[in-house]
Amino acid sequence: MCGRFTTTIDRELIEHYFKVSRIDGEYTPLYNAAPAQMIPVVLEDGVRRLAFYRWGLVPSWAKDPAVGNRLINARAETLLEKPSFRRSFVQRRCLVPADGFYEWKKTGSHKTPYRIVMKDRSPFGMAALWDVWSPPGQEPLYTCTIITTKANSLLGGIHERMPAILSPEDYDLWLDPLVQNPVLLSRLLVPCPAELMDFYAVSDLVNSPRHNTPEVINPV
């Protein structure tokens, strides 16, 4: 599960780290990104660019865009089995740039939120899929979903799932629209090594997506 994340790095670092040559829209840091919001995605369609798509994938064939509310995540193990994700996995892949994500651990009747980051606090790319919904007479709606995989040994005590975080050396392969071999692509969707990651508790401010300020990521 990945239902909240952060992208607090500045625009210049995104351009450098993800080799982005164009930004389509206005980038602002996200301290508590939530489903149904517009989030940054890196994709390649002749040019490596940063765009902003709604979080919650609406397949091109959907009759109602509300289906996106249930498709914020896609399990890596079943991408080819699900009609909602099969075509996008082969043809419409992207990255969601981030520098942290949140999970909640239940202790008794209370859920403690944690922010999970890289030990060196570097940004990372979460594997994602995108699609466009274009009903007659309406503006096209671009949406995305974040792929999840099983949790590594560090995070297994908090949650059984985690986003599929790609190694930087795999970004080019993942984003290349000419690469359409699902076996090759599936090999990239493995848990990030536990020794590269860290986590810390944050305040309950993160429980509400209305809180999108630097205070949300402060350790408690």
C-alpha atoms as a PDB file:
ATOM      1  CA  MET A   1       0.000   0.000   0.000  1.00  0.00           C
ATOM      2  CA  CYS A   2       1.153   3.509  -0.749  1.00  0.00           C
ATOM      3  CA  GLY A   3      -1.495   6.079   0.085  1.00  0.00           C
ATOM      4  CA  ARG A   4       0.601   9.140   0.971  1.00  0.00           C
ATOM      5  CA  PHE A   5       4.030  10.379  -0.006  1.00  0.00           C
ATOM      6  CA  THR A   6       6.274  13.448  -0.068  1.00  0.00           C
ATOM      7  CA  THR A   7       8.137  15.263  -2.807  1.00  0.00           C
ATOM      8  CA  THR A   8       9.814  18.143  -1.001  1.00  0.00           C
ATOM      9  CA  ILE A   9      12.906  18.486  -3.192  1.00  0.00           C
ATOM     10  CA  ASP A  10      13.282  21.563  -5.354  1.00  0.00           C
ATOM     11  CA  ARG A  11      12.576  21.730  -9.070  1.00  0.00           C
ATOM     12  CA  GLU A  12      16.231  21.876 -10.062  1.00  0.00           C
ATOM     13  CA  LEU A  13      17.012  18.634  -8.224  1.00  0.00           C
ATOM     14  CA  ILE A  14      14.134  16.847  -9.955  1.00  0.00           C
ATOM     15  CA  GLU A  15      15.428  18.041 -13.317  1.00  0.00           C
ATOM     16  CA  HIS A  16      18.931  16.834 -12.485  1.00  0.00           C
ATOM     17  CA  TYR A  17      18.133  13.560 -10.760  1.00  0.00           C
ATOM     18  CA  PHE A  18      15.524  12.357 -13.255  1.00  0.00           C
ATOM     19  CA  LYS A  19      17.144  13.951 -16.343  1.00  0.00           C
ATOM     20  CA  VAL A  20      14.022  15.974 -17.059  1.00  0.00           C
ATOM     21  CA  SER A  21      14.318  18.446 -19.919  1.00  0.00           C
ATOM     22  CA  ARG A  22      10.799  19.899 -19.769  1.00  0.00           C
ATOM     23  CA  ILE A  23       8.226  20.631 -17.071  1.00  0.00           C
ATOM     24  CA  ASP A  24       4.588  20.856 -18.141  1.00  0.00           C
ATOM     25  CA  GLY A  25       2.993  22.840 -15.347  1.00  0.00           C
ATOM     26  CA  GLU A  26       3.906  24.470 -12.087  1.00  0.00           C
ATOM     27  CA  TYR A  27       5.849  22.381  -9.606  1.00  0.00           C
ATOM     28  CA  THR A  28       5.368  22.931  -5.869  1.00  0.00           C
ATOM     29  CA  PRO A  29       6.663  20.713  -3.031  1.00  0.00           C
ATOM     30  CA  LEU A  30       4.275  18.127  -1.588  1.00  0.00           C
ATOM     31  CA  TYR A  31       4.536  17.248   2.105  1.00  0.00           C
ATOM     32  CA  ASN A  32       1.439  15.052   2.210  1.00  0.00           C
ATOM     33  CA  ALA A  33       0.390  13.986  -1.285  1.00  0.00           C
ATOM     34  CA  ALA A  34      -2.908  12.086  -1.251  1.00  0.00           C
ATOM     35  CA  PRO A  35      -5.096  10.211  -3.750  1.00  0.00           C
ATOM     36  CA  ALA A  36      -7.240  12.273  -6.141  1.00  0.00           C
ATOM     37  CA  GLN A  37      -4.670  15.076  -6.048  1.00  0.00           C
ATOM     38  CA  MET A  38      -2.528  16.130  -8.986  1.00  0.00           C
ATOM     39  CA  ILE A  39       0.934  14.667  -8.474  1.00  0.00           C
ATOM     40  CA  PRO A  40       4.180  14.919 -10.457  1.00  0.00           C
ATOM     41  CA  VAL A  41       5.099  12.128 -12.855  1.00  0.00           C
ATOM     42  CA  VAL A  42       8.177  11.645 -15.015  1.00  0.00           C
ATOM     43  CA  LEU A  43       7.511  10.135 -18.423  1.00  0.00           C
ATOM     44  CA  GLU A  44       9.138   9.859 -21.813  1.00  0.00           C
ATOM     45  CA  ASP A  45       7.349  10.283 -25.124  1.00  0.00           C
ATOM     46  CA  GLY A  46      10.048  11.710 -27.333  1.00  0.00           C
ATOM     47  CA  VAL A  47      11.278  13.941 -24.522  1.00  0.00           C
ATOM     48  CA  ARG A  48      11.879  13.253 -20.823  1.00  0.00           C
ATOM     49  CA  ARG A  49       9.379  15.509 -19.057  1.00  0.00           C
ATOM     50  CA  LEU A  50       7.648  16.179 -15.774  1.00  0.00           C
ATOM     51  CA  ALA A  51       3.856  16.354 -15.935  1.00  0.00           C
ATOM     52  CA  PHE A  52       1.065  16.416 -13.366  1.00  0.00           C
ATOM     53  CA  TYR A  53      -1.544  13.658 -13.369  1.00  0.00           C
ATOM     54  CA  ARG A  54      -4.379  12.844 -10.999  1.00  0.00           C
ATOM     55  CA  TRP A  55      -3.539  10.067  -8.563  1.00  0.00           C
ATOM     56  CA  GLY A  56      -5.956   7.175  -9.092  1.00  0.00           C
ATOM     57  CA  LEU A  57      -5.855   5.490 -12.481  1.00  0.00           C
ATOM     58  CA  VAL A  58      -8.902   5.736 -14.742  1.00  0.00           C
ATOM     59  CA  PRO A  59      -8.539   3.243 -17.618  1.00  0.00           C
ATOM     60  CA  SER A  60      -9.198   4.584 -21.096  1.00  0.00           C
ATOM     61  CA  TRP A  61     -12.233   2.287 -21.418  1.00  0.00           C
ATOM     62  CA  ALA A  62     -13.824   3.218 -18.077  1.00  0.00           C
ATOM     63  CA  LYS A  63     -17.423   4.423 -18.062  1.00  0.00           C
ATOM     64  CA  ASP A  64     -17.062   6.387 -14.820  1.00  0.00           C
ATOM     65  CA  PRO A  65     -13.925   8.221 -13.646  1.00  0.00           C
ATOM     66  CA  ALA A  66     -14.855   7.374 -10.058  1.00  0.00           C
ATOM     67  CA  VAL A  67     -13.140   4.023 -10.624  1.00  0.00           C
ATOM     68  CA  GLY A  68      -9.870   5.879 -10.072  1.00  0.00           C
ATOM     69  CA  ASN A  69     -10.652   6.166  -6.368  1.00  0.00           C
ATOM     70  CA  ARG A  70     -10.057   2.413  -6.076  1.00  0.00           C
ATOM     71  CA  LEU A  71      -6.984   2.271  -8.301  1.00  0.00           C
ATOM     72  CA  ILE A  72      -4.387   4.339  -6.479  1.00  0.00           C
ATOM     73  CA  ASN A  73      -2.071   1.308  -6.275  1.00  0.00           C
ATOM     74  CA  ALA A  74      -1.313  -1.608  -8.580  1.00  0.00           C
ATOM     75  CA  ARG A  75       0.220  -4.819  -7.242  1.00  0.00           C
ATOM     76  CA  ALA A  76       3.393  -5.723  -9.136  1.00  0.00           C
ATOM     77  CA  GLU A  77       2.544  -9.430  -8.992  1.00  0.00           C
ATOM     78  CA  THR A  78      -0.753  -9.113 -10.894  1.00  0.00           C
ATOM     79  CA  LEU A  79      -0.212  -6.294 -13.401  1.00  0.00           C
ATOM     80  CA  LEU A  80      -0.774  -8.547 -16.409  1.00  0.00           C
ATOM     81  CA  GLU A  81      -3.843 -10.148 -14.853  1.00  0.00           C
ATOM     82  CA  LYS A  82      -5.772  -6.923 -14.288  1.00  0.00           C
ATOM     83  CA  PRO A  83      -7.478  -5.307 -17.309  1.00  0.00           C
ATOM     84  CA  SER A  84      -7.115  -1.918 -15.620  1.00  0.00           C
ATOM     85  CA  PHE A  85      -3.316  -2.143 -15.666  1.00  0.00           C
ATOM     86  CA  ARG A  86      -2.304  -4.598 -18.405  1.00  0.00           C
ATOM     87  CA  ARG A  87      -2.079  -2.147 -21.313  1.00  0.00           C
ATOM     88  CA  SER A  88      -0.463   0.607 -19.284  1.00  0.00           C
ATOM     89  CA  PHE A  89       2.181  -1.783 -17.947  1.00  0.00           C
ATOM     90  CA  VAL A  90       3.274  -2.545 -21.479  1.00  0.00           C
ATOM     91  CA  GLN A  91       2.882   0.901 -23.037  1.00  0.00           C
ATOM     92  CA  ARG A  92       2.347   3.659 -20.462  1.00  0.00           C
ATOM     93  CA  ARG A  93       4.866   3.622 -17.656  1.00  0.00           C
ATOM     94  CA  CYS A  94       6.099   6.543 -15.599  1.00  0.00           C
ATOM     95  CA  LEU A  95       7.895   7.405 -12.371  1.00  0.00           C
ATOM     96  CA  VAL A  96       6.571   9.327  -9.411  1.00  0.00           C
ATOM     97  CA  PRO A  97       9.474  11.354  -7.972  1.00  0.00           C
ATOM     98  CA  ALA A  98       9.515  11.298  -4.182  1.00  0.00           C
ATOM     99  CA  ASP A  99      11.749  11.676  -1.158  1.00  0.00           C
ATOM    100  CA  GLY A 100       9.547   9.833   1.326  1.00  0.00           C
ATOM    101  CA  PHE A 101       6.281   7.985   1.822  1.00  0.00           C
ATOM    102  CA  TYR A 102       4.047   7.306   4.818  1.00  0.00           C
ATOM    103  CA  GLU A 103       2.758   4.151   6.439  1.00  0.00           C
ATOM    104  CA  TRP A 104       0.805   3.614   9.656  1.00  0.00           C
ATOM    105  CA  LYS A 105       1.594   0.957  12.264  1.00  0.00           C
ATOM    106  CA  LYS A 106      -1.221  -0.160  14.536  1.00  0.00           C
ATOM    107  CA  THR A 107      -0.336  -0.386  18.218  1.00  0.00           C
ATOM    108  CA  GLY A 108      -3.347  -1.249  20.337  1.00  0.00           C
ATOM    109  CA  SER A 109      -6.091   1.170  19.333  1.00  0.00           C
ATOM    110  CA  HIS A 110      -3.690   3.763  17.963  1.00  0.00           C
ATOM    111  CA  LYS A 111      -2.041   3.987  14.550  1.00  0.00           C
ATOM    112  CA  THR A 112       1.388   5.605  14.532  1.00  0.00           C
ATOM    113  CA  PRO A 113       2.372   7.273  11.247  1.00  0.00           C
ATOM    114  CA  TYR A 114       5.908   6.839   9.957  1.00  0.00           C
ATOM    115  CA  ARG A 115       7.748   8.551   7.144  1.00  0.00           C
ATOM    116  CA  ILE A 116       9.968   6.190   5.195  1.00  0.00           C
ATOM    117  CA  VAL A 117      13.013   7.704   3.493  1.00  0.00           C
ATOM    118  CA  MET A 118      16.380   6.769   2.054  1.00  0.00           C
ATOM    119  CA  LYS A 119      19.193   6.729   4.593  1.00  0.00           C
ATOM    120  CA  ASP A 120      21.043   9.395   2.644  1.00  0.00           C
ATOM    121  CA  ARG A 121      17.784  11.358   2.200  1.00  0.00           C
ATOM    122  CA  SER A 122      18.140  11.229  -1.579  1.00  0.00           C
ATOM    123  CA  PRO A 123      15.126  11.380  -3.909  1.00  0.00           C
ATOM    124  CA  PHE A 124      13.838   8.213  -5.535  1.00  0.00           C
ATOM    125  CA  GLY A 125      11.498   7.144  -8.294  1.00  0.00           C
ATOM    126  CA  MET A 126       8.430   5.036  -7.563  1.00  0.00           C
ATOM    127  CA  ALA A 127       7.340   2.845 -10.466  1.00  0.00           C
ATOM    128  CA  ALA A 128       3.959   3.933 -11.778  1.00  0.00           C
ATOM    129  CA  LEU A 129       1.532   3.581 -14.682  1.00  0.00           C
ATOM    130  CA  TRP A 130      -0.554   6.188 -16.440  1.00  0.00           C
ATOM    131  CA  ASP A 131      -3.576   6.310 -18.720  1.00  0.00           C
ATOM    132  CA  VAL A 132      -5.820   8.893 -20.349  1.00  0.00           C
ATOM    133  CA  TRP A 133      -9.612   8.894 -20.196  1.00  0.00           C
ATOM    134  CA  SER A 134     -11.150  10.756 -23.139  1.00  0.00           C
ATOM    135  CA  PRO A 135     -14.956  10.592 -23.158  1.00  0.00           C
ATOM    136  CA  PRO A 136     -16.739  12.367 -26.024  1.00  0.00           C
ATOM    137  CA  GLY A 137     -17.330  16.033 -25.345  1.00  0.00           C
ATOM    138  CA  GLN A 138     -15.068  16.176 -22.285  1.00  0.00           C
ATOM    139  CA  GLU A 139     -11.490  17.207 -21.637  1.00  0.00           C
ATOM    140  CA  PRO A 140      -8.997  14.311 -21.468  1.00  0.00           C
ATOM    141  CA  LEU A 141      -8.211  13.196 -17.925  1.00  0.00           C
ATOM    142  CA  TYR A 142      -4.647  11.997 -17.291  1.00  0.00           C
ATOM    143  CA  THR A 143      -4.290   9.721 -14.279  1.00  0.00           C
ATOM    144  CA  CYS A 144      -1.728   7.425 -12.676  1.00  0.00           C
ATOM    145  CA  THR A 145      -1.282   4.632 -10.155  1.00  0.00           C
ATOM    146  CA  ILE A 146       1.741   3.703  -8.017  1.00  0.00           C
ATOM    147  CA  ILE A 147       2.966   0.111  -8.213  1.00  0.00           C
ATOM    148  CA  THR A 148       3.530  -1.748  -4.948  1.00  0.00           C
ATOM    149  CA  THR A 149       5.528  -4.817  -4.041  1.00  0.00           C
ATOM    150  CA  LYS A 150       6.084  -6.798  -0.863  1.00  0.00           C
ATOM    151  CA  ALA A 151       7.779  -4.922   1.971  1.00  0.00           C
ATOM    152  CA  ASN A 152      11.459  -5.423   2.672  1.00  0.00           C
ATOM    153  CA  SER A 153      12.744  -6.649   6.033  1.00  0.00           C
ATOM    154  CA  LEU A 154      13.014  -3.117   7.445  1.00  0.00           C
ATOM    155  CA  LEU A 155       9.421  -2.145   6.728  1.00  0.00           C
ATOM    156  CA  GLY A 156       7.685  -5.487   7.209  1.00  0.00           C
ATOM    157  CA  GLY A 157       6.875  -4.641  10.817  1.00  0.00           C
ATOM    158  CA  ILE A 158       4.989  -1.533   9.729  1.00  0.00           C
ATOM    159  CA  HIS A 159       3.160  -2.729   6.621  1.00  0.00           C
ATOM    160  CA  GLU A 160       3.260  -5.764   4.340  1.00  0.00           C
ATOM    161  CA  ARG A 161       3.479  -3.684   1.147  1.00  0.00           C
ATOM    162  CA  MET A 162       5.671  -0.836  -0.088  1.00  0.00           C
ATOM    163  CA  PRO A 163       5.998   1.131  -3.327  1.00  0.00           C
ATOM    164  CA  ALA A 164       8.210  -0.398  -6.000  1.00  0.00           C
ATOM    165  CA  ILE A 165      11.236   1.906  -5.898  1.00  0.00           C
ATOM    166  CA  LEU A 166      13.454   1.629  -8.951  1.00  0.00           C
ATOM    167  CA  SER A 167      17.225   1.879  -9.020  1.00  0.00           C
ATOM    168  CA  PRO A 168      18.330   5.028 -10.879  1.00  0.00           C
ATOM    169  CA  GLU A 169      20.158   2.890 -13.438  1.00  0.00           C
ATOM    170  CA  ASP A 170      16.795   1.327 -14.377  1.00  0.00           C
ATOM    171  CA  TYR A 171      14.947   4.601 -15.019  1.00  0.00           C
ATOM    172  CA  ASP A 172      15.787   4.688 -18.728  1.00  0.00           C
ATOM    173  CA  LEU A 173      14.594   1.134 -19.291  1.00  0.00           C
ATOM    174  CA  TRP A 174      11.362   1.637 -17.346  1.00  0.00           C
ATOM    175  CA  LEU A 175      10.475   4.871 -19.128  1.00  0.00           C
ATOM    176  CA  ASP A 176      11.355   3.727 -22.651  1.00  0.00           C
ATOM    177  CA  PRO A 177       8.014   3.272 -24.471  1.00  0.00           C
ATOM    178  CA  LEU A 178       9.704   0.984 -27.007  1.00  0.00           C
ATOM    179  CA  VAL A 179      10.445  -1.566 -24.276  1.00  0.00           C
ATOM    180  CA  GLN A 180       7.313  -3.707 -24.056  1.00  0.00           C
ATOM    181  CA  ASN A 181       8.624  -6.986 -22.654  1.00  0.00           C
ATOM    182  CA  PRO A 182       6.627  -7.643 -19.457  1.00  0.00           C
ATOM    183  CA  VAL A 183       9.070 -10.299 -18.238  1.00  0.00           C
ATOM    184  CA  LEU A 184      11.986  -7.878 -18.461  1.00  0.00           C
ATOM    185  CA  LEU A 185       9.997  -5.065 -16.860  1.00  0.00           C
ATOM    186  CA  SER A 186       8.700  -7.239 -14.024  1.00  0.00           C
ATOM    187  CA  ARG A 187      12.266  -7.938 -12.921  1.00  0.00           C
ATOM    188  CA  LEU A 188      12.595  -4.290 -11.916  1.00  0.00           C
ATOM    189  CA  LEU A 189       9.638  -4.411  -9.522  1.00  0.00           C
ATOM    190  CA  VAL A 190      11.343  -5.803  -6.428  1.00  0.00           C
ATOM    191  CA  PRO A 191      11.603  -4.469  -2.858  1.00  0.00           C
ATOM    192  CA  CYS A 192      14.183  -1.752  -2.364  1.00  0.00           C
ATOM    193  CA  PRO A 193      17.098  -3.131  -0.287  1.00  0.00           C
ATOM    194  CA  ALA A 194      16.415  -2.607   3.414  1.00  0.00           C
ATOM    195  CA  GLU A 195      19.938  -1.373   4.101  1.00  0.00           C
ATOM    196  CA  LEU A 196      19.309   1.686   1.905  1.00  0.00           C
ATOM    197  CA  MET A 197      16.256   2.850   3.830  1.00  0.00           C
ATOM    198  CA  ASP A 198      15.267   4.426   7.134  1.00  0.00           C
ATOM    199  CA  PHE A 199      12.070   5.571   8.848  1.00  0.00           C
ATOM    200  CA  TYR A 200      10.906   7.772  11.705  1.00  0.00           C
ATOM    201  CA  ALA A 201       7.641   8.601  13.450  1.00  0.00           C
ATOM    202  CA  VAL A 202       5.751  11.763  12.500  1.00  0.00           C
ATOM    203  CA  SER A 203       2.792  13.544  14.056  1.00  0.00           C
ATOM    204  CA  ASP A 204      -0.867  12.793  13.462  1.00  0.00           C
ATOM    205  CA  LEU A 205      -1.017  15.894  11.277  1.00  0.00           C
ATOM    206  CA  VAL A 206      -0.338  13.591   8.356  1.00  0.00           C
ATOM    207  CA  ASN A 207      -3.675  11.844   8.924  1.00  0.00           C
ATOM    208  CA  SER A 208      -5.450  14.667   7.085  1.00  0.00           C
ATOM    209  CA  PRO A 209      -4.418  15.580   3.536  1.00  0.00           C
ATOM    210  CA  ARG A 210      -5.421  19.156   4.373  1.00  0.00           C
ATOM    211  CA  HIS A 211      -2.102  19.398   6.173  1.00  0.00           C
ATOM    212  CA  ASN A 212       0.496  19.949   3.474  1.00  0.00           C
ATOM    213  CA  THR A 213       3.190  21.944   5.235  1.00  0.00           C
ATOM    214  CA  PRO A 214       6.787  21.241   6.319  1.00  0.00           C
ATOM    215  CA  GLU A 215       5.591  20.500   9.873  1.00  0.00           C
ATOM    216  CA  VAL A 216       4.075  17.230   8.639  1.00  0.00           C
ATOM    217  CA  ILE A 217       7.477  15.651   7.964  1.00  0.00           C
ATOM    218  CA  ASN A 218       9.080  16.665  11.277  1.00  0.00           C
ATOM    219  CA  PRO A 219      10.146  13.747  13.517  1.00  0.00           C
ATOM    220  CA  VAL A 220       8.314  13.281  16.830  1.00  0.00           C
END
